[in-house]
Amino acid sequence: MKVVLIILGFISMGIGIIGIVAPILPTTPFLLLASFFFAKGSKRFHDWLISTKIYKKYLESFVKSKAMTLKNKFTILLPVSLMLIITFIFVNNLYARLVLVILFIGKYLYFFTQIRTITEEEESELKKNRDIAKENGNLE
């Protein structure tokens, strides 16, 4: 089972990396998924992932503060919304369309009720404070 989780972690990470350059794929959700799979599958791979520049740039501030800028939220939400809308258009099954509508509404509700929205300045301040704490040895 651990091998499957590690493979899923690398697949998720690969899709997340592709999402950095391909605007249709969201980067952050796939990197979060990769982090989850690595955490469940291998401490070594998880430790490796969280030490990468990709993790630090796209996930570290979210994981530490449980907050995102409005821009980050929409960067994640809009490509996924586009895919759901395209699927909705081409699916003729009423139940499938109902599930798509529930997913569409649910993800926006989650992002705007469960994840705190911060300004770009607050995000910069959080990063600066974290860097200072690391230099002082207060964080890993």
N, C-alpha and C. Protein backbone atom coordinates (compact mmCIF):
# COMPACT_ATOMS: atom_id res chain seq x y z
N MET A 1 0.82 -1.21 0.00
CA MET A 1 0.00 0.00 0.00
C MET A 1 0.86 1.26 0.00
N LYS A 2 1.98 1.22 0.76
CA LYS A 2 2.85 2.39 0.81
C LYS A 2 3.43 2.72 -0.56
N VAL A 3 3.72 1.69 -1.34
CA VAL A 3 4.26 1.91 -2.69
C VAL A 3 3.22 2.64 -3.54
N VAL A 4 1.96 2.25 -3.43
CA VAL A 4 0.89 2.89 -4.18
C VAL A 4 0.77 4.37 -3.77
N LEU A 5 0.85 4.64 -2.47
CA LEU A 5 0.76 6.02 -1.98
C LEU A 5 1.93 6.86 -2.50
N ILE A 6 3.12 6.29 -2.53
CA ILE A 6 4.29 7.01 -3.03
C ILE A 6 4.13 7.28 -4.52
N ILE A 7 3.66 6.30 -5.28
CA ILE A 7 3.43 6.49 -6.72
C ILE A 7 2.38 7.58 -6.94
N LEU A 8 1.29 7.54 -6.17
CA LEU A 8 0.27 8.57 -6.28
C LEU A 8 0.83 9.95 -5.91
N GLY A 9 1.74 9.97 -4.95
CA GLY A 9 2.40 11.22 -4.56
C GLY A 9 3.20 11.80 -5.71
N PHE A 10 3.98 10.95 -6.40
CA PHE A 10 4.76 11.43 -7.53
C PHE A 10 3.88 11.84 -8.71
N ILE A 11 2.80 11.11 -8.94
CA ILE A 11 1.87 11.49 -10.02
C ILE A 11 1.25 12.86 -9.70
N SER A 12 0.80 13.04 -8.47
CA SER A 12 0.20 14.31 -8.06
C SER A 12 1.21 15.45 -8.15
N MET A 13 2.43 15.17 -7.72
CA MET A 13 3.46 16.20 -7.79
C MET A 13 3.76 16.55 -9.25
N GLY A 14 3.82 15.55 -10.12
CA GLY A 14 4.06 15.80 -11.54
C GLY A 14 2.98 16.66 -12.15
N ILE A 15 1.73 16.35 -11.84
CA ILE A 15 0.61 17.16 -12.36
C ILE A 15 0.69 18.58 -11.80
N GLY A 16 1.04 18.70 -10.52
CA GLY A 16 1.20 20.02 -9.91
C GLY A 16 2.29 20.83 -10.58
N ILE A 17 3.40 20.19 -10.91
CA ILE A 17 4.50 20.88 -11.58
C ILE A 17 4.08 21.30 -12.98
N ILE A 18 3.36 20.44 -13.68
CA ILE A 18 2.85 20.81 -15.00
C ILE A 18 1.91 22.01 -14.86
N GLY A 19 1.16 22.05 -13.77
CA GLY A 19 0.24 23.16 -13.52
C GLY A 19 0.93 24.50 -13.33
N ILE A 20 2.21 24.48 -13.01
CA ILE A 20 2.95 25.73 -12.87
C ILE A 20 3.01 26.46 -14.21
N VAL A 21 3.19 25.69 -15.28
CA VAL A 21 3.31 26.30 -16.61
C VAL A 21 2.04 26.20 -17.44
N ALA A 22 1.16 25.28 -17.11
CA ALA A 22 -0.10 25.11 -17.85
C ALA A 22 -1.24 25.73 -17.03
N PRO A 23 -1.77 26.83 -17.48
CA PRO A 23 -2.78 27.54 -16.68
C PRO A 23 -4.07 26.77 -16.45
N ILE A 24 -4.33 25.74 -17.22
CA ILE A 24 -5.57 24.98 -17.06
C ILE A 24 -5.51 24.04 -15.84
N LEU A 25 -4.30 23.68 -15.40
CA LEU A 25 -4.15 22.79 -14.26
C LEU A 25 -3.80 23.58 -13.01
N PRO A 26 -4.53 23.38 -11.93
CA PRO A 26 -4.19 24.08 -10.68
C PRO A 26 -2.99 23.41 -10.01
N THR A 27 -2.03 24.18 -9.57
CA THR A 27 -0.82 23.66 -8.96
C THR A 27 -1.03 23.25 -7.51
N THR A 28 -1.57 24.16 -6.71
CA THR A 28 -1.64 23.95 -5.27
C THR A 28 -2.41 22.70 -4.85
N PRO A 29 -3.59 22.43 -5.39
CA PRO A 29 -4.30 21.22 -4.93
C PRO A 29 -3.51 19.93 -5.20
N PHE A 30 -2.84 19.87 -6.33
CA PHE A 30 -2.08 18.65 -6.64
C PHE A 30 -0.85 18.53 -5.75
N LEU A 31 -0.23 19.65 -5.41
CA LEU A 31 0.90 19.59 -4.49
C LEU A 31 0.45 19.23 -3.08
N LEU A 32 -0.72 19.73 -2.69
CA LEU A 32 -1.28 19.33 -1.38
C LEU A 32 -1.58 17.83 -1.37
N LEU A 33 -2.11 17.34 -2.47
CA LEU A 33 -2.40 15.92 -2.59
C LEU A 33 -1.10 15.11 -2.53
N ALA A 34 -0.07 15.58 -3.21
CA ALA A 34 1.23 14.90 -3.17
C ALA A 34 1.76 14.86 -1.74
N SER A 35 1.64 15.98 -1.04
CA SER A 35 2.09 16.03 0.35
C SER A 35 1.33 15.02 1.21
N PHE A 36 0.04 14.92 1.00
CA PHE A 36 -0.79 13.95 1.73
C PHE A 36 -0.33 12.52 1.45
N PHE A 37 -0.18 12.19 0.16
CA PHE A 37 0.24 10.83 -0.20
C PHE A 37 1.62 10.51 0.35
N PHE A 38 2.55 11.44 0.25
CA PHE A 38 3.90 11.19 0.77
C PHE A 38 3.88 11.05 2.30
N ALA A 39 3.07 11.86 2.97
CA ALA A 39 2.98 11.78 4.43
C ALA A 39 2.46 10.40 4.87
N LYS A 40 1.52 9.86 4.11
CA LYS A 40 0.97 8.55 4.44
C LYS A 40 1.87 7.40 3.97
N GLY A 41 2.64 7.65 2.91
CA GLY A 41 3.42 6.58 2.31
C GLY A 41 4.87 6.48 2.74
N SER A 42 5.51 7.62 2.99
CA SER A 42 6.94 7.59 3.30
C SER A 42 7.38 8.89 3.94
N LYS A 43 7.91 8.79 5.14
CA LYS A 43 8.43 9.98 5.83
C LYS A 43 9.58 10.59 5.03
N ARG A 44 10.42 9.74 4.45
CA ARG A 44 11.57 10.23 3.69
C ARG A 44 11.12 11.08 2.49
N PHE A 45 10.14 10.60 1.73
CA PHE A 45 9.66 11.36 0.58
C PHE A 45 8.91 12.61 1.01
N HIS A 46 8.19 12.53 2.11
CA HIS A 46 7.49 13.71 2.61
C HIS A 46 8.49 14.78 3.04
N ASP A 47 9.52 14.37 3.77
CA ASP A 47 10.56 15.31 4.18
C ASP A 47 11.25 15.93 2.96
N TRP A 48 11.48 15.11 1.94
CA TRP A 48 12.09 15.61 0.71
C TRP A 48 11.17 16.65 0.06
N LEU A 49 9.87 16.34 -0.04
CA LEU A 49 8.94 17.26 -0.68
C LEU A 49 8.91 18.61 0.03
N ILE A 50 8.82 18.59 1.35
CA ILE A 50 8.71 19.87 2.06
C ILE A 50 10.02 20.66 2.07
N SER A 51 11.10 20.04 1.62
CA SER A 51 12.36 20.78 1.52
C SER A 51 12.57 21.37 0.12
N THR A 52 11.69 21.06 -0.83
CA THR A 52 11.86 21.55 -2.20
C THR A 52 11.42 23.01 -2.33
N LYS A 53 11.96 23.69 -3.33
CA LYS A 53 11.59 25.08 -3.60
C LYS A 53 10.13 25.17 -4.03
N ILE A 54 9.65 24.16 -4.74
CA ILE A 54 8.25 24.16 -5.19
C ILE A 54 7.31 24.19 -3.99
N TYR A 55 7.58 23.34 -2.99
CA TYR A 55 6.75 23.29 -1.79
C TYR A 55 6.80 24.64 -1.08
N LYS A 56 8.00 25.17 -0.91
CA LYS A 56 8.15 26.43 -0.18
C LYS A 56 7.42 27.58 -0.89
N LYS A 57 7.45 27.58 -2.22
CA LYS A 57 6.82 28.67 -2.96
C LYS A 57 5.29 28.55 -2.97
N TYR A 58 4.78 27.33 -3.18
CA TYR A 58 3.34 27.18 -3.41
C TYR A 58 2.53 26.71 -2.20
N LEU A 59 3.16 26.06 -1.23
CA LEU A 59 2.38 25.47 -0.15
C LEU A 59 2.74 25.92 1.26
N GLU A 60 3.98 26.24 1.49
CA GLU A 60 4.43 26.44 2.87
C GLU A 60 3.60 27.47 3.62
N SER A 61 3.35 28.63 3.02
CA SER A 61 2.60 29.66 3.75
C SER A 61 1.17 29.20 4.04
N PHE A 62 0.56 28.48 3.10
CA PHE A 62 -0.80 27.98 3.35
C PHE A 62 -0.81 26.94 4.47
N VAL A 63 0.13 26.02 4.43
CA VAL A 63 0.18 24.95 5.44
C VAL A 63 0.41 25.54 6.82
N LYS A 64 1.25 26.54 6.91
CA LYS A 64 1.57 27.14 8.22
C LYS A 64 0.45 28.03 8.75
N SER A 65 -0.17 28.82 7.89
CA SER A 65 -1.13 29.82 8.37
C SER A 65 -2.59 29.46 8.10
N LYS A 66 -2.84 28.46 7.29
CA LYS A 66 -4.20 28.09 6.90
C LYS A 66 -4.94 29.29 6.32
N ALA A 67 -4.21 30.09 5.54
CA ALA A 67 -4.79 31.28 4.93
C ALA A 67 -4.22 31.44 3.53
N MET A 68 -4.98 32.12 2.66
CA MET A 68 -4.56 32.37 1.29
C MET A 68 -4.99 33.76 0.88
N THR A 69 -4.27 34.31 -0.08
CA THR A 69 -4.71 35.57 -0.66
C THR A 69 -5.87 35.28 -1.60
N LEU A 70 -6.64 36.30 -1.89
CA LEU A 70 -7.76 36.15 -2.81
C LEU A 70 -7.25 35.69 -4.19
N LYS A 71 -6.12 36.23 -4.60
CA LYS A 71 -5.52 35.84 -5.88
C LYS A 71 -5.20 34.34 -5.89
N ASN A 72 -4.61 33.83 -4.82
CA ASN A 72 -4.29 32.40 -4.74
C ASN A 72 -5.55 31.54 -4.79
N LYS A 73 -6.58 32.00 -4.09
CA LYS A 73 -7.83 31.24 -4.10
C LYS A 73 -8.40 31.14 -5.51
N PHE A 74 -8.45 32.26 -6.20
CA PHE A 74 -9.01 32.23 -7.55
C PHE A 74 -8.09 31.50 -8.54
N THR A 75 -6.78 31.52 -8.30
CA THR A 75 -5.86 30.77 -9.14
C THR A 75 -6.15 29.27 -9.05
N ILE A 76 -6.59 28.84 -7.90
CA ILE A 76 -6.96 27.44 -7.72
C ILE A 76 -8.38 27.18 -8.23
N LEU A 77 -9.32 28.05 -7.88
CA LEU A 77 -10.73 27.82 -8.17
C LEU A 77 -11.11 27.94 -9.64
N LEU A 78 -10.57 28.91 -10.33
CA LEU A 78 -11.03 29.17 -11.70
C LEU A 78 -10.74 28.04 -12.69
N PRO A 79 -9.54 27.46 -12.72
CA PRO A 79 -9.34 26.35 -13.66
C PRO A 79 -10.25 25.15 -13.35
N VAL A 80 -10.43 24.86 -12.07
CA VAL A 80 -11.30 23.75 -11.68
C VAL A 80 -12.74 24.07 -12.06
N SER A 81 -13.15 25.32 -11.86
CA SER A 81 -14.50 25.73 -12.24
C SER A 81 -14.72 25.57 -13.74
N LEU A 82 -13.72 25.96 -14.51
CA LEU A 82 -13.80 25.82 -15.97
C LEU A 82 -14.00 24.36 -16.36
N MET A 83 -13.26 23.49 -15.75
CA MET A 83 -13.41 22.05 -16.05
C MET A 83 -14.80 21.54 -15.66
N LEU A 84 -15.30 21.97 -14.51
CA LEU A 84 -16.64 21.54 -14.09
C LEU A 84 -17.71 22.07 -15.04
N ILE A 85 -17.55 23.30 -15.49
CA ILE A 85 -18.53 23.88 -16.41
C ILE A 85 -18.51 23.15 -17.75
N ILE A 86 -17.32 22.86 -18.25
CA ILE A 86 -17.21 22.12 -19.52
C ILE A 86 -17.85 20.74 -19.38
N THR A 87 -17.56 20.07 -18.27
CA THR A 87 -18.17 18.77 -18.03
C THR A 87 -19.68 18.88 -17.95
N PHE A 88 -20.17 19.90 -17.25
CA PHE A 88 -21.61 20.13 -17.12
C PHE A 88 -22.26 20.28 -18.49
N ILE A 89 -21.62 21.00 -19.38
CA ILE A 89 -22.17 21.24 -20.72
C ILE A 89 -22.29 19.94 -21.51
N PHE A 90 -21.29 19.07 -21.39
CA PHE A 90 -21.27 17.87 -22.22
C PHE A 90 -21.97 16.66 -21.61
N VAL A 91 -22.31 16.73 -20.33
CA VAL A 91 -23.00 15.61 -19.68
C VAL A 91 -24.50 15.82 -19.80
N ASN A 92 -25.20 14.77 -20.22
CA ASN A 92 -26.65 14.87 -20.38
C ASN A 92 -27.43 14.19 -19.26
N ASN A 93 -26.72 13.65 -18.28
CA ASN A 93 -27.35 12.95 -17.18
C ASN A 93 -27.70 13.94 -16.07
N LEU A 94 -28.96 13.94 -15.66
CA LEU A 94 -29.44 14.88 -14.64
C LEU A 94 -28.70 14.70 -13.32
N TYR A 95 -28.48 13.45 -12.90
CA TYR A 95 -27.81 13.18 -11.62
C TYR A 95 -26.35 13.62 -11.66
N ALA A 96 -25.69 13.39 -12.77
CA ALA A 96 -24.31 13.83 -12.92
C ALA A 96 -24.22 15.35 -12.87
N ARG A 97 -25.17 16.01 -13.51
CA ARG A 97 -25.19 17.47 -13.48
C ARG A 97 -25.44 17.99 -12.06
N LEU A 98 -26.31 17.31 -11.33
CA LEU A 98 -26.58 17.70 -9.95
C LEU A 98 -25.31 17.57 -9.10
N VAL A 99 -24.58 16.48 -9.28
CA VAL A 99 -23.32 16.29 -8.55
C VAL A 99 -22.33 17.40 -8.92
N LEU A 100 -22.24 17.75 -10.19
CA LEU A 100 -21.33 18.81 -10.62
C LEU A 100 -21.70 20.15 -9.99
N VAL A 101 -22.99 20.46 -9.93
CA VAL A 101 -23.43 21.71 -9.31
C VAL A 101 -23.08 21.71 -7.82
N ILE A 102 -23.30 20.59 -7.15
CA ILE A 102 -22.96 20.49 -5.72
C ILE A 102 -21.46 20.67 -5.51
N LEU A 103 -20.65 20.04 -6.36
CA LEU A 103 -19.19 20.20 -6.27
C LEU A 103 -18.79 21.66 -6.49
N PHE A 104 -19.38 22.27 -7.50
CA PHE A 104 -19.07 23.66 -7.84
C PHE A 104 -19.37 24.58 -6.65
N ILE A 105 -20.55 24.46 -6.10
CA ILE A 105 -20.94 25.31 -4.97
C ILE A 105 -20.12 24.96 -3.73
N GLY A 106 -19.93 23.66 -3.50
CA GLY A 106 -19.20 23.20 -2.32
C GLY A 106 -17.77 23.70 -2.26
N LYS A 107 -17.09 23.70 -3.40
CA LYS A 107 -15.69 24.15 -3.36
C LYS A 107 -15.59 25.64 -3.05
N TYR A 108 -16.50 26.44 -3.60
CA TYR A 108 -16.48 27.87 -3.28
C TYR A 108 -16.85 28.11 -1.82
N LEU A 109 -17.85 27.40 -1.31
CA LEU A 109 -18.20 27.52 0.10
C LEU A 109 -17.02 27.16 0.99
N TYR A 110 -16.34 26.07 0.66
CA TYR A 110 -15.19 25.65 1.46
C TYR A 110 -14.09 26.71 1.43
N PHE A 111 -13.72 27.17 0.24
CA PHE A 111 -12.62 28.12 0.13
C PHE A 111 -12.92 29.45 0.81
N PHE A 112 -14.18 29.86 0.82
CA PHE A 112 -14.49 31.17 1.39
C PHE A 112 -15.06 31.11 2.81
N THR A 113 -15.28 29.91 3.35
CA THR A 113 -15.72 29.82 4.74
C THR A 113 -14.69 29.11 5.62
N GLN A 114 -13.87 28.25 5.06
CA GLN A 114 -12.93 27.46 5.86
C GLN A 114 -11.47 27.93 5.74
N ILE A 115 -11.15 28.65 4.69
CA ILE A 115 -9.79 29.14 4.48
C ILE A 115 -9.82 30.66 4.59
N ARG A 116 -9.08 31.16 5.55
CA ARG A 116 -9.05 32.60 5.80
C ARG A 116 -8.43 33.33 4.61
N THR A 117 -9.01 34.45 4.24
CA THR A 117 -8.49 35.28 3.15
C THR A 117 -7.63 36.39 3.75
N ILE A 118 -6.40 36.49 3.25
CA ILE A 118 -5.49 37.52 3.72
C ILE A 118 -5.04 38.38 2.53
N THR A 119 -4.51 39.54 2.84
CA THR A 119 -3.99 40.42 1.78
C THR A 119 -2.57 40.00 1.42
N GLU A 120 -2.09 40.51 0.30
CA GLU A 120 -0.71 40.23 -0.14
C GLU A 120 0.27 40.71 0.93
N GLU A 121 -0.02 41.84 1.57
CA GLU A 121 0.86 42.39 2.60
C GLU A 121 0.90 41.46 3.82
N GLU A 122 -0.26 40.94 4.20
CA GLU A 122 -0.29 40.01 5.34
C GLU A 122 0.50 38.74 5.02
N GLU A 123 0.39 38.27 3.79
CA GLU A 123 1.13 37.08 3.39
C GLU A 123 2.64 37.35 3.46
N SER A 124 3.06 38.50 2.97
CA SER A 124 4.48 38.87 3.03
C SER A 124 4.95 38.97 4.48
N GLU A 125 4.12 39.55 5.33
CA GLU A 125 4.46 39.68 6.75
C GLU A 125 4.58 38.31 7.42
N LEU A 126 3.66 37.40 7.10
CA LEU A 126 3.74 36.04 7.65
C LEU A 126 5.03 35.35 7.23
N LYS A 127 5.38 35.49 5.95
CA LYS A 127 6.62 34.88 5.45
C LYS A 127 7.84 35.49 6.13
N LYS A 128 7.82 36.82 6.28
CA LYS A 128 8.95 37.50 6.91
C LYS A 128 9.09 37.06 8.37
N ASN A 129 7.99 36.99 9.09
CA ASN A 129 8.03 36.54 10.49
C ASN A 129 8.52 35.11 10.60
N ARG A 130 8.09 34.26 9.66
CA ARG A 130 8.52 32.87 9.67
C ARG A 130 10.02 32.76 9.40
N ASP A 131 10.52 33.57 8.46
CA ASP A 131 11.95 33.56 8.16
C ASP A 131 12.77 34.02 9.36
N ILE A 132 12.28 35.03 10.06
CA ILE A 132 12.98 35.52 11.26
C ILE A 132 12.99 34.44 12.33
N ALA A 133 11.84 33.77 12.51
CA ALA A 133 11.76 32.70 13.51
C ALA A 133 12.71 31.55 13.16
N LYS A 134 12.83 31.24 11.87
CA LYS A 134 13.75 30.17 11.45
C LYS A 134 15.19 30.57 11.75
N GLU A 135 15.53 31.82 11.46
CA GLU A 135 16.89 32.29 11.72
C GLU A 135 17.22 32.23 13.21
N ASN A 136 16.24 32.48 14.05
CA ASN A 136 16.43 32.44 15.50
C ASN A 136 16.32 31.03 16.07
N GLY A 137 16.01 30.07 15.21
CA GLY A 137 15.91 28.68 15.66
C GLY A 137 14.61 28.33 16.33
N ASN A 138 13.56 29.13 16.14
CA ASN A 138 12.27 28.87 16.77
C ASN A 138 11.38 27.96 15.95
N LEU A 139 11.71 27.76 14.67
CA LEU A 139 10.94 26.87 13.81
C LEU A 139 11.90 25.90 13.15
N GLU A 140 11.32 24.83 12.59
CA GLU A 140 12.14 23.87 11.87
C GLU A 140 12.71 24.49 10.63
